[in-house]
Amino acid sequence: MQGITPETTDYKHLVYEVDSEHVCWLTLNRPEKLNAMNLRLIAELQAGLLRADRDDTVNVIVIRGNGRGFCAGHDLDEDAAEDRTSIYEYRAHYIHQFEEFTTPWTVTKPVIASIHKYAIGKGFELSLFCDVSIVTSDTRMGYNEVRYGVSGHCMFLPWVVNMKTAKDLLLTGRELTAAQAKEMGLVTEVVEPDQLAEATRRKATLMARLPREMQRMHKMYLNRVYEMQGLRTATDYYLEQVAIMGAQPVPEYAEFSRMTAEKGLRAALDHANARYEGLD
């Protein structure tokens, strides 16, 4: 979003804090929307990550959510109002947003996702791009937006789980419990809700006390291993696919957008979810 840079310090939807252990805490701060990702929050999150990456007082970055959940996904109200009249312009917009959203992967310092209650859609994908994910036992995760005709954003999933699991999750849009996500390798650690803050603090402090250059070199190496296997090529291909699908929505999403505009998001969600009743 224009005007938001790593030099920005006046955030609307993000809280930026650095503690005495050289940990930067980035808090998603749209609690009234369950921290759903709108264009402003995505831009502010990228700016905060880049600011922390350049800050010599920061060794580790934590992303967490304020309120009742980590992140409930994409802001579907904003999404329904997006201009899709030009395929080229929508593609350019989507490529820019992709670059913003994948910043946890591209920054040089370790990034921890500290997750409670919800990590759905974009919230789920954000956690996949972080180096470590600590989640509470009551967390729900997954790509349920595909059920409304909304495609996944970055498609990192095939690089984290095996083929059968990736197909199961993406072709059903089903949500996972924290225990299921841990078993599949989608999260690092599962803790009870009242233990999340302390577990995150301990992990971040441990990582922050390691030599910073050692951390950065190893993150760069590990990322490069996956990129050499084709991660970049695969995500670029998916990005092209999704840009076209976004500019030319499937009929189910067109109906979902119409209902959102006419009756509100809750009514649109209830209508879309009715056809999956009893099948999960």
C-alpha atoms as a PDB file:
ATOM      1  CA  MET A   1       0.000   0.000   0.000  1.00  0.00           C
ATOM      2  CA  GLN A   2       1.334   3.384  -1.019  1.00  0.00           C
ATOM      3  CA  GLY A   3       2.971   5.380   1.745  1.00  0.00           C
ATOM      4  CA  ILE A   4       3.794   2.437   4.037  1.00  0.00           C
ATOM      5  CA  THR A   5       7.537   1.684   4.148  1.00  0.00           C
ATOM      6  CA  PRO A   6      10.027   0.074   6.569  1.00  0.00           C
ATOM      7  CA  GLU A   7      10.521   3.588   7.958  1.00  0.00           C
ATOM      8  CA  THR A   8       6.824   3.800   8.910  1.00  0.00           C
ATOM      9  CA  THR A   9       6.246   3.855  12.665  1.00  0.00           C
ATOM     10  CA  ASP A  10       2.603   4.990  12.784  1.00  0.00           C
ATOM     11  CA  TYR A  11       0.628   1.775  12.278  1.00  0.00           C
ATOM     12  CA  LYS A  12      -3.128   1.405  12.166  1.00  0.00           C
ATOM     13  CA  HIS A  13      -3.430  -2.401  12.395  1.00  0.00           C
ATOM     14  CA  LEU A  14      -0.026  -3.470  13.771  1.00  0.00           C
ATOM     15  CA  VAL A  15       1.825  -3.110  17.069  1.00  0.00           C
ATOM     16  CA  TYR A  16       5.651  -3.088  16.938  1.00  0.00           C
ATOM     17  CA  GLU A  17       7.614  -3.773  20.147  1.00  0.00           C
ATOM     18  CA  VAL A  18      11.205  -4.851  20.903  1.00  0.00           C
ATOM     19  CA  ASP A  19      12.039  -6.384  24.291  1.00  0.00           C
ATOM     20  CA  SER A  20      15.263  -6.611  26.286  1.00  0.00           C
ATOM     21  CA  GLU A  21      16.025 -10.056  24.826  1.00  0.00           C
ATOM     22  CA  HIS A  22      16.249  -8.615  21.279  1.00  0.00           C
ATOM     23  CA  VAL A  23      12.902 -10.096  20.248  1.00  0.00           C
ATOM     24  CA  CYS A  24      10.602  -7.996  18.057  1.00  0.00           C
ATOM     25  CA  TRP A  25       6.920  -8.653  18.715  1.00  0.00           C
ATOM     26  CA  LEU A  26       4.635  -7.827  15.779  1.00  0.00           C
ATOM     27  CA  THR A  27       0.997  -7.979  16.853  1.00  0.00           C
ATOM     28  CA  LEU A  28      -1.780  -8.141  14.259  1.00  0.00           C
ATOM     29  CA  ASN A  29      -4.238  -5.606  15.639  1.00  0.00           C
ATOM     30  CA  ARG A  30      -7.677  -5.856  14.023  1.00  0.00           C
ATOM     31  CA  PRO A  31      -9.383  -7.719  16.881  1.00  0.00           C
ATOM     32  CA  GLU A  32     -12.873  -6.622  15.797  1.00  0.00           C
ATOM     33  CA  LYS A  33     -12.279  -8.549  12.532  1.00  0.00           C
ATOM     34  CA  LEU A  34     -10.394 -11.481  14.098  1.00  0.00           C
ATOM     35  CA  ASN A  35      -7.292  -9.928  12.492  1.00  0.00           C
ATOM     36  CA  ALA A  36      -8.582 -10.644   8.993  1.00  0.00           C
ATOM     37  CA  MET A  37      -6.027  -9.502   6.433  1.00  0.00           C
ATOM     38  CA  ASN A  38      -6.893  -6.345   4.512  1.00  0.00           C
ATOM     39  CA  LEU A  39      -4.515  -4.462   2.212  1.00  0.00           C
ATOM     40  CA  ARG A  40      -3.446  -2.099   4.999  1.00  0.00           C
ATOM     41  CA  LEU A  41      -2.574  -4.874   7.467  1.00  0.00           C
ATOM     42  CA  ILE A  42      -0.596  -6.832   4.855  1.00  0.00           C
ATOM     43  CA  ALA A  43       1.391  -3.706   3.929  1.00  0.00           C
ATOM     44  CA  GLU A  44       2.006  -2.816   7.588  1.00  0.00           C
ATOM     45  CA  LEU A  45       3.110  -6.362   8.399  1.00  0.00           C
ATOM     46  CA  GLN A  46       5.635  -6.312   5.562  1.00  0.00           C
ATOM     47  CA  ALA A  47       6.896  -2.908   6.687  1.00  0.00           C
ATOM     48  CA  GLY A  48       7.231  -4.128  10.285  1.00  0.00           C
ATOM     49  CA  LEU A  49       9.115  -7.262   9.226  1.00  0.00           C
ATOM     50  CA  LEU A  50      11.546  -5.287   7.060  1.00  0.00           C
ATOM     51  CA  ARG A  51      12.024  -2.719   9.819  1.00  0.00           C
ATOM     52  CA  ALA A  52      12.863  -5.487  12.318  1.00  0.00           C
ATOM     53  CA  ASP A  53      15.174  -7.189   9.827  1.00  0.00           C
ATOM     54  CA  ARG A  54      17.198  -3.962   9.507  1.00  0.00           C
ATOM     55  CA  ASP A  55      17.154  -3.220  13.240  1.00  0.00           C
ATOM     56  CA  ASP A  56      20.465  -4.134  14.894  1.00  0.00           C
ATOM     57  CA  THR A  57      18.720  -4.498  18.267  1.00  0.00           C
ATOM     58  CA  VAL A  58      16.528  -7.361  16.905  1.00  0.00           C
ATOM     59  CA  ASN A  59      17.630 -10.999  16.603  1.00  0.00           C
ATOM     60  CA  VAL A  60      14.248 -12.775  16.295  1.00  0.00           C
ATOM     61  CA  ILE A  61      10.776 -11.714  15.136  1.00  0.00           C
ATOM     62  CA  VAL A  62       7.449 -12.994  16.524  1.00  0.00           C
ATOM     63  CA  ILE A  63       4.098 -12.537  14.787  1.00  0.00           C
ATOM     64  CA  ARG A  64       1.041 -12.894  17.026  1.00  0.00           C
ATOM     65  CA  GLY A  65      -2.597 -11.784  17.003  1.00  0.00           C
ATOM     66  CA  ASN A  66      -4.559  -9.517  19.322  1.00  0.00           C
ATOM     67  CA  GLY A  67      -8.000 -10.563  20.542  1.00  0.00           C
ATOM     68  CA  ARG A  68      -9.921 -13.805  20.062  1.00  0.00           C
ATOM     69  CA  GLY A  69      -7.710 -15.374  17.392  1.00  0.00           C
ATOM     70  CA  PHE A  70      -4.447 -15.178  15.428  1.00  0.00           C
ATOM     71  CA  CYS A  71      -5.966 -14.505  12.001  1.00  0.00           C
ATOM     72  CA  ALA A  72      -9.300 -15.522  10.476  1.00  0.00           C
ATOM     73  CA  GLY A  73      -7.987 -15.176   6.915  1.00  0.00           C
ATOM     74  CA  HIS A  74      -8.638 -12.688   4.149  1.00  0.00           C
ATOM     75  CA  ASP A  75     -10.938  -9.710   4.704  1.00  0.00           C
ATOM     76  CA  LEU A  76     -13.783 -11.019   2.552  1.00  0.00           C
ATOM     77  CA  ASP A  77     -15.712  -7.734   2.754  1.00  0.00           C
ATOM     78  CA  GLU A  78     -12.774  -5.901   1.170  1.00  0.00           C
ATOM     79  CA  ASP A  79     -12.168  -8.748  -1.277  1.00  0.00           C
ATOM     80  CA  ALA A  80     -15.733  -8.617  -2.575  1.00  0.00           C
ATOM     81  CA  ALA A  81     -15.333  -4.899  -3.328  1.00  0.00           C
ATOM     82  CA  GLU A  82     -12.071  -5.221  -5.302  1.00  0.00           C
ATOM     83  CA  ASP A  83     -11.933  -3.960  -8.893  1.00  0.00           C
ATOM     84  CA  ARG A  84     -11.582  -6.926 -11.270  1.00  0.00           C
ATOM     85  CA  THR A  85     -12.383  -5.212 -14.564  1.00  0.00           C
ATOM     86  CA  SER A  86      -8.810  -5.516 -15.889  1.00  0.00           C
ATOM     87  CA  ILE A  87      -7.021  -8.881 -15.800  1.00  0.00           C
ATOM     88  CA  TYR A  88      -3.639  -7.171 -16.218  1.00  0.00           C
ATOM     89  CA  GLU A  89      -4.202  -4.669 -13.395  1.00  0.00           C
ATOM     90  CA  TYR A  90      -5.570  -7.356 -11.074  1.00  0.00           C
ATOM     91  CA  ARG A  91      -2.563  -9.573 -11.864  1.00  0.00           C
ATOM     92  CA  ALA A  92      -0.157  -6.721 -11.025  1.00  0.00           C
ATOM     93  CA  HIS A  93      -2.039  -6.072  -7.780  1.00  0.00           C
ATOM     94  CA  TYR A  94      -1.884  -9.754  -6.861  1.00  0.00           C
ATOM     95  CA  ILE A  95       1.835 -10.099  -7.625  1.00  0.00           C
ATOM     96  CA  HIS A  96       2.558  -7.090  -5.396  1.00  0.00           C
ATOM     97  CA  GLN A  97       0.449  -8.538  -2.590  1.00  0.00           C
ATOM     98  CA  PHE A  98       2.227 -11.900  -2.982  1.00  0.00           C
ATOM     99  CA  GLU A  99       5.592 -10.181  -2.520  1.00  0.00           C
ATOM    100  CA  GLU A 100       4.306  -8.408   0.594  1.00  0.00           C
ATOM    101  CA  PHE A 101       2.748 -11.511   2.090  1.00  0.00           C
ATOM    102  CA  THR A 102       5.777 -13.792   1.704  1.00  0.00           C
ATOM    103  CA  THR A 103       8.086 -11.430   3.612  1.00  0.00           C
ATOM    104  CA  PRO A 104       8.440 -13.801   6.641  1.00  0.00           C
ATOM    105  CA  TRP A 105      10.239 -16.172   4.257  1.00  0.00           C
ATOM    106  CA  THR A 106      12.479 -13.530   2.673  1.00  0.00           C
ATOM    107  CA  VAL A 107      13.677 -11.622   5.755  1.00  0.00           C
ATOM    108  CA  THR A 108      17.036 -12.821   7.041  1.00  0.00           C
ATOM    109  CA  LYS A 109      16.103 -13.217  10.712  1.00  0.00           C
ATOM    110  CA  PRO A 110      14.079 -16.112  12.201  1.00  0.00           C
ATOM    111  CA  VAL A 111      10.306 -15.528  12.349  1.00  0.00           C
ATOM    112  CA  ILE A 112       8.029 -17.294  14.849  1.00  0.00           C
ATOM    113  CA  ALA A 113       4.247 -17.492  14.464  1.00  0.00           C
ATOM    114  CA  SER A 114       2.537 -17.494  17.873  1.00  0.00           C
ATOM    115  CA  ILE A 115      -0.970 -18.732  17.093  1.00  0.00           C
ATOM    116  CA  HIS A 116      -4.151 -18.976  19.101  1.00  0.00           C
ATOM    117  CA  LYS A 117      -7.662 -20.125  18.200  1.00  0.00           C
ATOM    118  CA  TYR A 118      -7.799 -19.384  14.441  1.00  0.00           C
ATOM    119  CA  ALA A 119      -5.294 -19.570  11.588  1.00  0.00           C
ATOM    120  CA  ILE A 120      -7.575 -19.796   8.574  1.00  0.00           C
ATOM    121  CA  GLY A 121      -6.890 -19.001   4.910  1.00  0.00           C
ATOM    122  CA  LYS A 122      -4.325 -16.225   4.760  1.00  0.00           C
ATOM    123  CA  GLY A 123      -3.704 -16.682   8.480  1.00  0.00           C
ATOM    124  CA  PHE A 124      -2.868 -20.326   7.814  1.00  0.00           C
ATOM    125  CA  GLU A 125      -0.580 -19.448   4.913  1.00  0.00           C
ATOM    126  CA  LEU A 126       1.132 -16.728   6.934  1.00  0.00           C
ATOM    127  CA  SER A 127       2.025 -19.360   9.531  1.00  0.00           C
ATOM    128  CA  LEU A 128       3.509 -21.606   6.824  1.00  0.00           C
ATOM    129  CA  PHE A 129       5.904 -18.873   5.706  1.00  0.00           C
ATOM    130  CA  CYS A 130       7.187 -18.425   9.261  1.00  0.00           C
ATOM    131  CA  ASP A 131      10.179 -20.499  10.364  1.00  0.00           C
ATOM    132  CA  VAL A 132       8.562 -21.826  13.546  1.00  0.00           C
ATOM    133  CA  SER A 133       4.880 -22.082  14.544  1.00  0.00           C
ATOM    134  CA  ILE A 134       3.694 -22.458  18.143  1.00  0.00           C
ATOM    135  CA  VAL A 135      -0.066 -23.003  18.429  1.00  0.00           C
ATOM    136  CA  THR A 136      -2.617 -23.496  21.165  1.00  0.00           C
ATOM    137  CA  SER A 137      -4.414 -26.824  21.454  1.00  0.00           C
ATOM    138  CA  ASP A 138      -7.785 -25.242  20.577  1.00  0.00           C
ATOM    139  CA  THR A 139      -6.559 -23.742  17.283  1.00  0.00           C
ATOM    140  CA  ARG A 140      -8.301 -24.465  13.968  1.00  0.00           C
ATOM    141  CA  MET A 141      -6.274 -24.225  10.764  1.00  0.00           C
ATOM    142  CA  GLY A 142      -6.858 -24.722   7.048  1.00  0.00           C
ATOM    143  CA  TYR A 143      -7.861 -23.472   3.604  1.00  0.00           C
ATOM    144  CA  ASN A 144     -11.632 -23.228   4.083  1.00  0.00           C
ATOM    145  CA  GLU A 145     -11.813 -20.235   1.707  1.00  0.00           C
ATOM    146  CA  VAL A 146     -11.703 -22.631  -1.259  1.00  0.00           C
ATOM    147  CA  ARG A 147     -15.238 -23.645  -0.287  1.00  0.00           C
ATOM    148  CA  TYR A 148     -16.420 -20.142  -1.172  1.00  0.00           C
ATOM    149  CA  GLY A 149     -14.589 -20.063  -4.508  1.00  0.00           C
ATOM    150  CA  VAL A 150     -11.595 -18.128  -3.149  1.00  0.00           C
ATOM    151  CA  SER A 151      -8.208 -19.589  -4.069  1.00  0.00           C
ATOM    152  CA  GLY A 152      -5.300 -19.987  -1.676  1.00  0.00           C
ATOM    153  CA  HIS A 153      -2.891 -17.074  -1.721  1.00  0.00           C
ATOM    154  CA  CYS A 154       0.679 -18.405  -2.002  1.00  0.00           C
ATOM    155  CA  MET A 155       0.452 -22.212  -2.021  1.00  0.00           C
ATOM    156  CA  PHE A 156       3.397 -23.157   0.138  1.00  0.00           C
ATOM    157  CA  LEU A 157       1.546 -26.240   1.379  1.00  0.00           C
ATOM    158  CA  PRO A 158       3.106 -28.876  -0.957  1.00  0.00           C
ATOM    159  CA  TRP A 159       6.550 -27.995   0.412  1.00  0.00           C
ATOM    160  CA  VAL A 160       5.530 -28.650   4.018  1.00  0.00           C
ATOM    161  CA  VAL A 161       3.472 -31.875   3.806  1.00  0.00           C
ATOM    162  CA  ASN A 162       3.331 -34.974   1.624  1.00  0.00           C
ATOM    163  CA  MET A 163       1.338 -35.211  -1.610  1.00  0.00           C
ATOM    164  CA  LYS A 164      -1.705 -37.053  -0.231  1.00  0.00           C
ATOM    165  CA  THR A 165      -2.059 -34.613   2.657  1.00  0.00           C
ATOM    166  CA  ALA A 166      -1.715 -31.552   0.413  1.00  0.00           C
ATOM    167  CA  LYS A 167      -4.404 -32.882  -1.922  1.00  0.00           C
ATOM    168  CA  ASP A 168      -6.713 -33.816   0.948  1.00  0.00           C
ATOM    169  CA  LEU A 169      -6.515 -30.344   2.504  1.00  0.00           C
ATOM    170  CA  LEU A 170      -6.776 -28.328  -0.694  1.00  0.00           C
ATOM    171  CA  LEU A 171      -9.416 -30.422  -2.458  1.00  0.00           C
ATOM    172  CA  THR A 172     -11.737 -30.508   0.572  1.00  0.00           C
ATOM    173  CA  GLY A 173     -11.079 -27.164   2.295  1.00  0.00           C
ATOM    174  CA  ARG A 174     -11.404 -28.934   5.630  1.00  0.00           C
ATOM    175  CA  GLU A 175     -10.106 -27.435   8.848  1.00  0.00           C
ATOM    176  CA  LEU A 176      -7.534 -29.131  11.066  1.00  0.00           C
ATOM    177  CA  THR A 177      -7.155 -29.308  14.812  1.00  0.00           C
ATOM    178  CA  ALA A 178      -3.814 -28.278  16.284  1.00  0.00           C
ATOM    179  CA  ALA A 179      -2.998 -31.928  17.024  1.00  0.00           C
ATOM    180  CA  GLN A 180      -3.687 -32.930  13.412  1.00  0.00           C
ATOM    181  CA  ALA A 181      -1.575 -30.035  12.137  1.00  0.00           C
ATOM    182  CA  LYS A 182       1.310 -31.107  14.396  1.00  0.00           C
ATOM    183  CA  GLU A 183       1.088 -34.704  13.169  1.00  0.00           C
ATOM    184  CA  MET A 184       1.257 -33.477   9.554  1.00  0.00           C
ATOM    185  CA  GLY A 185       4.286 -31.279  10.227  1.00  0.00           C
ATOM    186  CA  LEU A 186       2.405 -27.994   9.721  1.00  0.00           C
ATOM    187  CA  VAL A 187       3.283 -26.642  13.165  1.00  0.00           C
ATOM    188  CA  THR A 188       6.306 -26.885  15.439  1.00  0.00           C
ATOM    189  CA  GLU A 189       4.747 -27.103  18.881  1.00  0.00           C
ATOM    190  CA  VAL A 190       1.275 -27.358  20.469  1.00  0.00           C
ATOM    191  CA  VAL A 191       0.654 -25.894  23.927  1.00  0.00           C
ATOM    192  CA  GLU A 192      -2.333 -25.183  26.127  1.00  0.00           C
ATOM    193  CA  PRO A 193      -3.896 -21.721  25.654  1.00  0.00           C
ATOM    194  CA  ASP A 194      -2.591 -20.361  28.949  1.00  0.00           C
ATOM    195  CA  GLN A 195       0.948 -21.484  28.055  1.00  0.00           C
ATOM    196  CA  LEU A 196       1.255 -19.798  24.655  1.00  0.00           C
ATOM    197  CA  ALA A 197       2.840 -16.523  25.776  1.00  0.00           C
ATOM    198  CA  GLU A 198       5.464 -18.248  27.915  1.00  0.00           C
ATOM    199  CA  ALA A 199       6.238 -20.963  25.347  1.00  0.00           C
ATOM    200  CA  THR A 200       6.684 -18.317  22.660  1.00  0.00           C
ATOM    201  CA  ARG A 201       8.852 -16.149  24.898  1.00  0.00           C
ATOM    202  CA  ARG A 202      11.110 -19.085  25.785  1.00  0.00           C
ATOM    203  CA  LYS A 203      11.531 -20.209  22.163  1.00  0.00           C
ATOM    204  CA  ALA A 204      12.157 -16.656  20.951  1.00  0.00           C
ATOM    205  CA  THR A 205      14.655 -15.965  23.734  1.00  0.00           C
ATOM    206  CA  LEU A 206      16.516 -19.203  23.030  1.00  0.00           C
ATOM    207  CA  MET A 207      16.751 -18.372  19.333  1.00  0.00           C
ATOM    208  CA  ALA A 208      17.715 -14.754  20.062  1.00  0.00           C
ATOM    209  CA  ARG A 209      20.680 -15.812  22.211  1.00  0.00           C
ATOM    210  CA  LEU A 210      22.301 -17.795  19.413  1.00  0.00           C
ATOM    211  CA  PRO A 211      24.884 -15.890  17.334  1.00  0.00           C
ATOM    212  CA  ARG A 212      22.860 -13.702  14.971  1.00  0.00           C
ATOM    213  CA  GLU A 213      25.051 -14.356  11.928  1.00  0.00           C
ATOM    214  CA  MET A 214      24.765 -18.110  12.508  1.00  0.00           C
ATOM    215  CA  GLN A 215      20.967 -17.831  12.522  1.00  0.00           C
ATOM    216  CA  ARG A 216      20.849 -15.750   9.362  1.00  0.00           C
ATOM    217  CA  MET A 217      23.239 -17.986   7.416  1.00  0.00           C
ATOM    218  CA  HIS A 218      21.346 -21.123   8.363  1.00  0.00           C
ATOM    219  CA  LYS A 219      17.950 -19.633   7.496  1.00  0.00           C
ATOM    220  CA  MET A 220      19.334 -18.554   4.120  1.00  0.00           C
ATOM    221  CA  TYR A 221      20.760 -22.034   3.522  1.00  0.00           C
ATOM    222  CA  LEU A 222      17.608 -23.894   4.524  1.00  0.00           C
ATOM    223  CA  ASN A 223      15.415 -21.644   2.378  1.00  0.00           C
ATOM    224  CA  ARG A 224      17.771 -22.117  -0.555  1.00  0.00           C
ATOM    225  CA  VAL A 225      17.485 -25.920  -0.288  1.00  0.00           C
ATOM    226  CA  TYR A 226      13.728 -25.693  -0.960  1.00  0.00           C
ATOM    227  CA  GLU A 227      14.141 -23.040  -3.633  1.00  0.00           C
ATOM    228  CA  MET A 228      16.644 -25.275  -5.471  1.00  0.00           C
ATOM    229  CA  GLN A 229      13.999 -28.001  -5.468  1.00  0.00           C
ATOM    230  CA  GLY A 230      11.646 -25.689  -7.355  1.00  0.00           C
ATOM    231  CA  LEU A 231       9.727 -23.798  -4.667  1.00  0.00           C
ATOM    232  CA  ARG A 232      10.096 -20.437  -6.405  1.00  0.00           C
ATOM    233  CA  THR A 233       9.113 -21.787  -9.806  1.00  0.00           C
ATOM    234  CA  ALA A 234       6.087 -23.588  -8.368  1.00  0.00           C
ATOM    235  CA  THR A 235       4.805 -20.615  -6.369  1.00  0.00           C
ATOM    236  CA  ASP A 236       5.316 -18.309  -9.376  1.00  0.00           C
ATOM    237  CA  TYR A 237       3.218 -20.691 -11.492  1.00  0.00           C
ATOM    238  CA  TYR A 238       0.474 -20.785  -8.876  1.00  0.00           C
ATOM    239  CA  LEU A 239       0.556 -17.001  -8.636  1.00  0.00           C
ATOM    240  CA  GLU A 240      -0.167 -16.691 -12.365  1.00  0.00           C
ATOM    241  CA  GLN A 241      -3.048 -19.158 -12.031  1.00  0.00           C
ATOM    242  CA  VAL A 242      -4.587 -17.361  -9.092  1.00  0.00           C
ATOM    243  CA  ALA A 243      -4.245 -13.919 -10.678  1.00  0.00           C
ATOM    244  CA  ILE A 244      -6.370 -15.126 -13.587  1.00  0.00           C
ATOM    245  CA  MET A 245      -8.889 -16.845 -11.296  1.00  0.00           C
ATOM    246  CA  GLY A 246      -9.149 -13.701  -9.187  1.00  0.00           C
ATOM    247  CA  ALA A 247      -9.890 -11.527 -12.197  1.00  0.00           C
ATOM    248  CA  GLN A 248     -12.398 -14.077 -13.552  1.00  0.00           C
ATOM    249  CA  PRO A 249     -14.065 -15.531 -10.438  1.00  0.00           C
ATOM    250  CA  VAL A 250     -15.805 -18.898 -10.485  1.00  0.00           C
ATOM    251  CA  PRO A 251     -19.638 -18.728 -10.327  1.00  0.00           C
ATOM    252  CA  GLU A 252     -19.690 -19.783  -6.676  1.00  0.00           C
ATOM    253  CA  TYR A 253     -17.523 -16.833  -5.704  1.00  0.00           C
ATOM    254  CA  ALA A 254     -19.574 -14.432  -7.796  1.00  0.00           C
ATOM    255  CA  GLU A 255     -22.639 -15.575  -5.839  1.00  0.00           C
ATOM    256  CA  PHE A 256     -20.740 -15.303  -2.557  1.00  0.00           C
ATOM    257  CA  SER A 257     -19.677 -11.711  -3.376  1.00  0.00           C
ATOM    258  CA  ARG A 258     -23.227 -10.762  -4.363  1.00  0.00           C
ATOM    259  CA  MET A 259     -24.643 -12.121  -1.100  1.00  0.00           C
ATOM    260  CA  THR A 260     -21.904 -10.405   0.912  1.00  0.00           C
ATOM    261  CA  ALA A 261     -22.811  -7.051  -0.659  1.00  0.00           C
ATOM    262  CA  GLU A 262     -26.569  -7.553  -0.328  1.00  0.00           C
ATOM    263  CA  LYS A 263     -27.001  -9.446   2.952  1.00  0.00           C
ATOM    264  CA  GLY A 264     -23.660  -9.206   4.750  1.00  0.00           C
ATOM    265  CA  LEU A 265     -20.716 -11.551   5.248  1.00  0.00           C
ATOM    266  CA  ARG A 266     -22.365 -13.726   7.896  1.00  0.00           C
ATOM    267  CA  ALA A 267     -25.325 -14.542   5.650  1.00  0.00           C
ATOM    268  CA  ALA A 268     -23.002 -15.273   2.723  1.00  0.00           C
ATOM    269  CA  LEU A 269     -20.884 -17.623   4.839  1.00  0.00           C
ATOM    270  CA  ASP A 270     -23.927 -19.461   6.185  1.00  0.00           C
ATOM    271  CA  HIS A 271     -25.306 -19.894   2.675  1.00  0.00           C
ATOM    272  CA  ALA A 272     -21.983 -21.157   1.284  1.00  0.00           C
ATOM    273  CA  ASN A 273     -21.370 -23.548   4.188  1.00  0.00           C
ATOM    274  CA  ALA A 274     -24.852 -25.107   4.020  1.00  0.00           C
ATOM    275  CA  ARG A 275     -23.884 -27.412   1.128  1.00  0.00           C
ATOM    276  CA  TYR A 276     -21.053 -28.955   3.206  1.00  0.00           C
ATOM    277  CA  GLU A 277     -23.242 -29.668   6.231  1.00  0.00           C
ATOM    278  CA  GLY A 278     -22.505 -33.072   7.776  1.00  0.00           C
ATOM    279  CA  LEU A 279     -19.686 -33.979   5.372  1.00  0.00           C
ATOM    280  CA  ASP A 280     -16.609 -33.112   7.445  1.00  0.00           C
END
